């Protein structure tokens, strides 16, 4: 993973999380836990990728 995508992953994860919160707040009926988990998986994946890229970037700076 290249460290130049850190801010892209971070921004995309934040947008995805904001959209999940918006969808859950404006849902006309109660939402099941499985649906919430399926909505959160892309956001969590993007945050995880940002975390991994950050550590690669930090390790490269130390060397």
PDB file of N, CA and C in Angstrom:
ATOM      1  N   UNK A   1       0.840  -1.181   0.000  1.00  0.00           N
ATOM      2  CA  UNK A   1       0.000   0.000   0.000  1.00  0.00           C
ATOM      3  C   UNK A   1       0.884   1.244   0.000  1.00  0.00           C
ATOM      4  N   UNK A   2       0.515   2.167  -0.809  1.00  0.00           N
ATOM      5  CA  UNK A   2       1.295   3.397  -0.882  1.00  0.00           C
ATOM      6  C   UNK A   2       0.702   4.445   0.052  1.00  0.00           C
ATOM      7  N   UNK A   3       1.550   5.200   0.711  1.00  0.00           N
ATOM      8  CA  UNK A   3       1.059   6.180   1.678  1.00  0.00           C
ATOM      9  C   UNK A   3       0.363   7.384   1.061  1.00  0.00           C
ATOM     10  N   UNK A   4       0.414   7.540  -0.256  1.00  0.00           N
ATOM     11  CA  UNK A   4      -0.214   8.711  -0.855  1.00  0.00           C
ATOM     12  C   UNK A   4      -1.739   8.621  -0.849  1.00  0.00           C
ATOM     13  N   UNK A   5      -2.307   7.460  -0.580  1.00  0.00           N
ATOM     14  CA  UNK A   5      -3.755   7.303  -0.550  1.00  0.00           C
ATOM     15  C   UNK A   5      -4.352   7.453   0.843  1.00  0.00           C
ATOM     16  N   UNK A   6      -3.564   7.837   1.830  1.00  0.00           N
ATOM     17  CA  UNK A   6      -4.054   7.935   3.210  1.00  0.00           C
ATOM     18  C   UNK A   6      -5.238   8.894   3.322  1.00  0.00           C
ATOM     19  N   UNK A   7      -5.093  10.093   2.797  1.00  0.00           N
ATOM     20  CA  UNK A   7      -6.158  11.082   2.918  1.00  0.00           C
ATOM     21  C   UNK A   7      -7.382  10.698   2.089  1.00  0.00           C
ATOM     22  N   UNK A   8      -7.169  10.033   0.977  1.00  0.00           N
ATOM     23  CA  UNK A   8      -8.290   9.566   0.161  1.00  0.00           C
ATOM     24  C   UNK A   8      -9.114   8.527   0.929  1.00  0.00           C
ATOM     25  N   UNK A   9      -8.441   7.558   1.550  1.00  0.00           N
ATOM     26  CA  UNK A   9      -9.149   6.544   2.328  1.00  0.00           C
ATOM     27  C   UNK A   9      -9.855   7.168   3.527  1.00  0.00           C
ATOM     28  N   UNK A  10      -9.189   8.094   4.177  1.00  0.00           N
ATOM     29  CA  UNK A  10      -9.778   8.736   5.344  1.00  0.00           C
ATOM     30  C   UNK A  10     -11.018   9.536   4.959  1.00  0.00           C
ATOM     31  N   UNK A  11     -10.945  10.285   3.892  1.00  0.00           N
ATOM     32  CA  UNK A  11     -12.083  11.078   3.435  1.00  0.00           C
ATOM     33  C   UNK A  11     -13.223  10.181   2.967  1.00  0.00           C
ATOM     34  N   UNK A  12     -12.912   9.146   2.223  1.00  0.00           N
ATOM     35  CA  UNK A  12     -13.947   8.231   1.733  1.00  0.00           C
ATOM     36  C   UNK A  12     -14.625   7.494   2.895  1.00  0.00           C
ATOM     37  N   UNK A  13     -13.863   7.105   3.905  1.00  0.00           N
ATOM     38  CA  UNK A  13     -14.441   6.455   5.072  1.00  0.00           C
ATOM     39  C   UNK A  13     -15.363   7.385   5.841  1.00  0.00           C
ATOM     40  N   UNK A  14     -14.985   8.647   5.945  1.00  0.00           N
ATOM     41  CA  UNK A  14     -15.816   9.626   6.640  1.00  0.00           C
ATOM     42  C   UNK A  14     -17.106   9.888   5.871  1.00  0.00           C
ATOM     43  N   UNK A  15     -17.010   9.987   4.555  1.00  0.00           N
ATOM     44  CA  UNK A  15     -18.207  10.180   3.735  1.00  0.00           C
ATOM     45  C   UNK A  15     -19.118   8.965   3.839  1.00  0.00           C
ATOM     46  N   UNK A  16     -18.556   7.771   3.789  1.00  0.00           N
ATOM     47  CA  UNK A  16     -19.357   6.557   3.898  1.00  0.00           C
ATOM     48  C   UNK A  16     -20.046   6.468   5.257  1.00  0.00           C
ATOM     49  N   UNK A  17     -19.344   6.827   6.316  1.00  0.00           N
ATOM     50  CA  UNK A  17     -19.943   6.799   7.647  1.00  0.00           C
ATOM     51  C   UNK A  17     -21.048   7.834   7.779  1.00  0.00           C
ATOM     52  N   UNK A  18     -20.848   9.009   7.199  1.00  0.00           N
ATOM     53  CA  UNK A  18     -21.874  10.052   7.223  1.00  0.00           C
ATOM     54  C   UNK A  18     -23.123   9.600   6.468  1.00  0.00           C
ATOM     55  N   UNK A  19     -22.932   8.951   5.331  1.00  0.00           N
ATOM     56  CA  UNK A  19     -24.080   8.447   4.573  1.00  0.00           C
ATOM     57  C   UNK A  19     -24.823   7.344   5.328  1.00  0.00           C
ATOM     58  N   UNK A  20     -24.101   6.504   6.045  1.00  0.00           N
ATOM     59  CA  UNK A  20     -24.754   5.460   6.848  1.00  0.00           C
ATOM     60  C   UNK A  20     -25.599   6.088   7.935  1.00  0.00           C
ATOM     61  N   UNK A  21     -25.058   7.063   8.623  1.00  0.00           N
ATOM     62  CA  UNK A  21     -25.808   7.733   9.691  1.00  0.00           C
ATOM     63  C   UNK A  21     -27.037   8.429   9.122  1.00  0.00           C
ATOM     64  N   UNK A  22     -26.887   9.073   7.971  1.00  0.00           N
ATOM     65  CA  UNK A  22     -28.021   9.743   7.324  1.00  0.00           C
ATOM     66  C   UNK A  22     -29.095   8.736   6.921  1.00  0.00           C
ATOM     67  N   UNK A  23     -28.686   7.618   6.333  1.00  0.00           N
ATOM     68  CA  UNK A  23     -29.660   6.609   5.919  1.00  0.00           C
ATOM     69  C   UNK A  23     -30.401   6.023   7.117  1.00  0.00           C
ATOM     70  N   UNK A  24     -29.689   5.811   8.211  1.00  0.00           N
ATOM     71  CA  UNK A  24     -30.343   5.249   9.396  1.00  0.00           C
ATOM     72  C   UNK A  24     -31.265   6.262  10.066  1.00  0.00           C
ATOM     73  N   UNK A  25     -30.905   7.536  10.023  1.00  0.00           N
ATOM     74  CA  UNK A  25     -31.734   8.562  10.653  1.00  0.00           C
ATOM     75  C   UNK A  25     -33.004   8.824   9.858  1.00  0.00           C
ATOM     76  N   UNK A  26     -32.948   8.655   8.547  1.00  0.00           N
ATOM     77  CA  UNK A  26     -34.115   8.955   7.726  1.00  0.00           C
ATOM     78  C   UNK A  26     -34.876   7.701   7.294  1.00  0.00           C
ATOM     79  N   UNK A  27     -34.564   6.571   7.851  1.00  0.00           N
ATOM     80  CA  UNK A  27     -35.255   5.326   7.494  1.00  0.00           C
ATOM     81  C   UNK A  27     -36.699   5.390   7.994  1.00  0.00           C
ATOM     82  N   UNK A  28     -37.672   5.068   7.134  1.00  0.00           N
ATOM     83  CA  UNK A  28     -39.077   5.164   7.538  1.00  0.00           C
ATOM     84  C   UNK A  28     -39.517   4.052   8.497  1.00  0.00           C
ATOM     85  N   UNK A  29     -38.800   2.951   8.515  1.00  0.00           N
ATOM     86  CA  UNK A  29     -39.165   1.844   9.397  1.00  0.00           C
ATOM     87  C   UNK A  29     -37.947   1.429  10.215  1.00  0.00           C
ATOM     88  N   UNK A  30     -38.139   0.645  11.241  1.00  0.00           N
ATOM     89  CA  UNK A  30     -36.986   0.157  12.012  1.00  0.00           C
ATOM     90  C   UNK A  30     -36.036  -0.663  11.136  1.00  0.00           C
ATOM     91  N   UNK A  31     -34.759  -0.494  11.370  1.00  0.00           N
ATOM     92  CA  UNK A  31     -33.740  -1.147  10.563  1.00  0.00           C
ATOM     93  C   UNK A  31     -33.137  -2.294  11.373  1.00  0.00           C
ATOM     94  N   UNK A  32     -32.941  -3.432  10.716  1.00  0.00           N
ATOM     95  CA  UNK A  32     -32.396  -4.598  11.418  1.00  0.00           C
ATOM     96  C   UNK A  32     -30.886  -4.441  11.629  1.00  0.00           C
ATOM     97  N   UNK A  33     -30.364  -5.215  12.525  1.00  0.00           N
ATOM     98  CA  UNK A  33     -28.938  -5.164  12.843  1.00  0.00           C
ATOM     99  C   UNK A  33     -28.088  -5.647  11.674  1.00  0.00           C
ATOM    100  N   UNK A  34     -28.590  -6.576  10.892  1.00  0.00           N
ATOM    101  CA  UNK A  34     -27.852  -7.079   9.734  1.00  0.00           C
ATOM    102  C   UNK A  34     -27.693  -5.977   8.691  1.00  0.00           C
ATOM    103  N   UNK A  35     -28.741  -5.201   8.493  1.00  0.00           N
ATOM    104  CA  UNK A  35     -28.680  -4.089   7.543  1.00  0.00           C
ATOM    105  C   UNK A  35     -27.668  -3.045   7.993  1.00  0.00           C
ATOM    106  N   UNK A  36     -27.673  -2.738   9.266  1.00  0.00           N
ATOM    107  CA  UNK A  36     -26.707  -1.769   9.800  1.00  0.00           C
ATOM    108  C   UNK A  36     -25.284  -2.281   9.598  1.00  0.00           C
ATOM    109  N   UNK A  37     -25.053  -3.548   9.848  1.00  0.00           N
ATOM    110  CA  UNK A  37     -23.725  -4.135   9.652  1.00  0.00           C
ATOM    111  C   UNK A  37     -23.305  -4.083   8.190  1.00  0.00           C
ATOM    112  N   UNK A  38     -24.215  -4.372   7.289  1.00  0.00           N
ATOM    113  CA  UNK A  38     -23.893  -4.316   5.863  1.00  0.00           C
ATOM    114  C   UNK A  38     -23.611  -2.895   5.399  1.00  0.00           C
ATOM    115  N   UNK A  39     -24.267  -1.910   6.000  1.00  0.00           N
ATOM    116  CA  UNK A  39     -23.973  -0.510   5.671  1.00  0.00           C
ATOM    117  C   UNK A  39     -22.623  -0.081   6.230  1.00  0.00           C
ATOM    118  N   UNK A  40     -22.236  -0.614   7.379  1.00  0.00           N
ATOM    119  CA  UNK A  40     -20.999  -0.180   8.034  1.00  0.00           C
ATOM    120  C   UNK A  40     -19.739  -0.851   7.492  1.00  0.00           C
ATOM    121  N   UNK A  41     -19.866  -1.984   6.845  1.00  0.00           N
ATOM    122  CA  UNK A  41     -18.687  -2.714   6.362  1.00  0.00           C
ATOM    123  C   UNK A  41     -17.817  -1.875   5.428  1.00  0.00           C
ATOM    124  N   UNK A  42     -18.359  -1.177   4.417  1.00  0.00           N
ATOM    125  CA  UNK A  42     -17.482  -0.358   3.559  1.00  0.00           C
ATOM    126  C   UNK A  42     -16.777   0.765   4.315  1.00  0.00           C
ATOM    127  N   UNK A  43     -17.481   1.415   5.240  1.00  0.00           N
ATOM    128  CA  UNK A  43     -16.863   2.491   6.010  1.00  0.00           C
ATOM    129  C   UNK A  43     -15.729   1.948   6.882  1.00  0.00           C
ATOM    130  N   UNK A  44     -15.970   0.832   7.538  1.00  0.00           N
ATOM    131  CA  UNK A  44     -14.932   0.247   8.384  1.00  0.00           C
ATOM    132  C   UNK A  44     -13.745  -0.236   7.560  1.00  0.00           C
ATOM    133  N   UNK A  45     -14.007  -0.771   6.386  1.00  0.00           N
ATOM    134  CA  UNK A  45     -12.934  -1.219   5.512  1.00  0.00           C
ATOM    135  C   UNK A  45     -12.061  -0.038   5.061  1.00  0.00           C
ATOM    136  N   UNK A  46     -12.680   1.067   4.724  1.00  0.00           N
ATOM    137  CA  UNK A  46     -11.914   2.248   4.316  1.00  0.00           C
ATOM    138  C   UNK A  46     -11.089   2.813   5.472  1.00  0.00           C
ATOM    139  N   UNK A  47     -11.658   2.843   6.679  1.00  0.00           N
ATOM    140  CA  UNK A  47     -10.882   3.294   7.841  1.00  0.00           C
ATOM    141  C   UNK A  47      -9.721   2.341   8.144  1.00  0.00           C
ATOM    142  N   UNK A  48      -9.937   1.039   7.975  1.00  0.00           N
ATOM    143  CA  UNK A  48      -8.868   0.073   8.187  1.00  0.00           C
ATOM    144  C   UNK A  48      -7.740   0.278   7.179  1.00  0.00           C
ATOM    145  N   UNK A  49      -8.099   0.521   5.928  1.00  0.00           N
ATOM    146  CA  UNK A  49      -7.079   0.756   4.912  1.00  0.00           C
ATOM    147  C   UNK A  49      -6.304   2.040   5.197  1.00  0.00           C
ATOM    148  N   UNK A  50      -6.986   3.073   5.673  1.00  0.00           N
ATOM    149  CA  UNK A  50      -6.295   4.310   6.048  1.00  0.00           C
ATOM    150  C   UNK A  50      -5.337   4.053   7.211  1.00  0.00           C
ATOM    151  N   UNK A  51      -5.753   3.234   8.153  1.00  0.00           N
ATOM    152  CA  UNK A  51      -4.904   2.892   9.295  1.00  0.00           C
ATOM    153  C   UNK A  51      -3.638   2.148   8.845  1.00  0.00           C
ATOM    154  N   UNK A  52      -3.821   1.173   7.937  1.00  0.00           N
ATOM    155  CA  UNK A  52      -2.664   0.419   7.452  1.00  0.00           C
ATOM    156  C   UNK A  52      -1.714   1.307   6.652  1.00  0.00           C
ATOM    157  N   UNK A  53      -2.247   2.179   5.828  1.00  0.00           N
ATOM    158  CA  UNK A  53      -1.417   3.080   5.022  1.00  0.00           C
ATOM    159  C   UNK A  53      -0.677   4.059   5.927  1.00  0.00           C
ATOM    160  N   UNK A  54      -1.327   4.518   6.994  1.00  0.00           N
ATOM    161  CA  UNK A  54      -0.685   5.448   7.919  1.00  0.00           C
ATOM    162  C   UNK A  54       0.544   4.812   8.558  1.00  0.00           C
ATOM    163  N   UNK A  55       0.428   3.553   8.931  1.00  0.00           N
ATOM    164  CA  UNK A  55       1.578   2.883   9.553  1.00  0.00           C
ATOM    165  C   UNK A  55       2.707   2.645   8.555  1.00  0.00           C
ATOM    166  N   UNK A  56       2.390   2.379   7.308  1.00  0.00           N
ATOM    167  CA  UNK A  56       3.424   2.240   6.277  1.00  0.00           C
ATOM    168  C   UNK A  56       4.128   3.581   6.092  1.00  0.00           C
ATOM    169  N   UNK A  57       3.352   4.661   6.062  1.00  0.00           N
ATOM    170  CA  UNK A  57       3.914   5.999   5.908  1.00  0.00           C
ATOM    171  C   UNK A  57       4.812   6.348   7.104  1.00  0.00           C
ATOM    172  N   UNK A  58       4.353   6.008   8.297  1.00  0.00           N
ATOM    173  CA  UNK A  58       5.118   6.307   9.509  1.00  0.00           C
ATOM    174  C   UNK A  58       6.414   5.499   9.549  1.00  0.00           C
ATOM    175  N   UNK A  59       6.354   4.238   9.121  1.00  0.00           N
ATOM    176  CA  UNK A  59       7.561   3.410   9.109  1.00  0.00           C
ATOM    177  C   UNK A  59       8.570   3.907   8.079  1.00  0.00           C
ATOM    178  N   UNK A  60       8.095   4.390   6.949  1.00  0.00           N
ATOM    179  CA  UNK A  60       8.995   4.919   5.934  1.00  0.00           C
ATOM    180  C   UNK A  60       9.700   6.182   6.396  1.00  0.00           C
ATOM    181  N   UNK A  61       9.043   6.988   7.207  1.00  0.00           N
ATOM    182  CA  UNK A  61       9.653   8.205   7.717  1.00  0.00           C
ATOM    183  C   UNK A  61      10.753   7.894   8.731  1.00  0.00           C
ATOM    184  N   UNK A  62      10.617   6.787   9.445  1.00  0.00           N
ATOM    185  CA  UNK A  62      11.601   6.433  10.456  1.00  0.00           C
ATOM    186  C   UNK A  62      12.905   5.915   9.835  1.00  0.00           C
ATOM    187  N   UNK A  63      12.826   5.357   8.645  1.00  0.00           N
ATOM    188  CA  UNK A  63      14.015   4.766   8.025  1.00  0.00           C
ATOM    189  C   UNK A  63      14.853   5.787   7.312  1.00  0.00           C
TER     190      UNK A  63
END
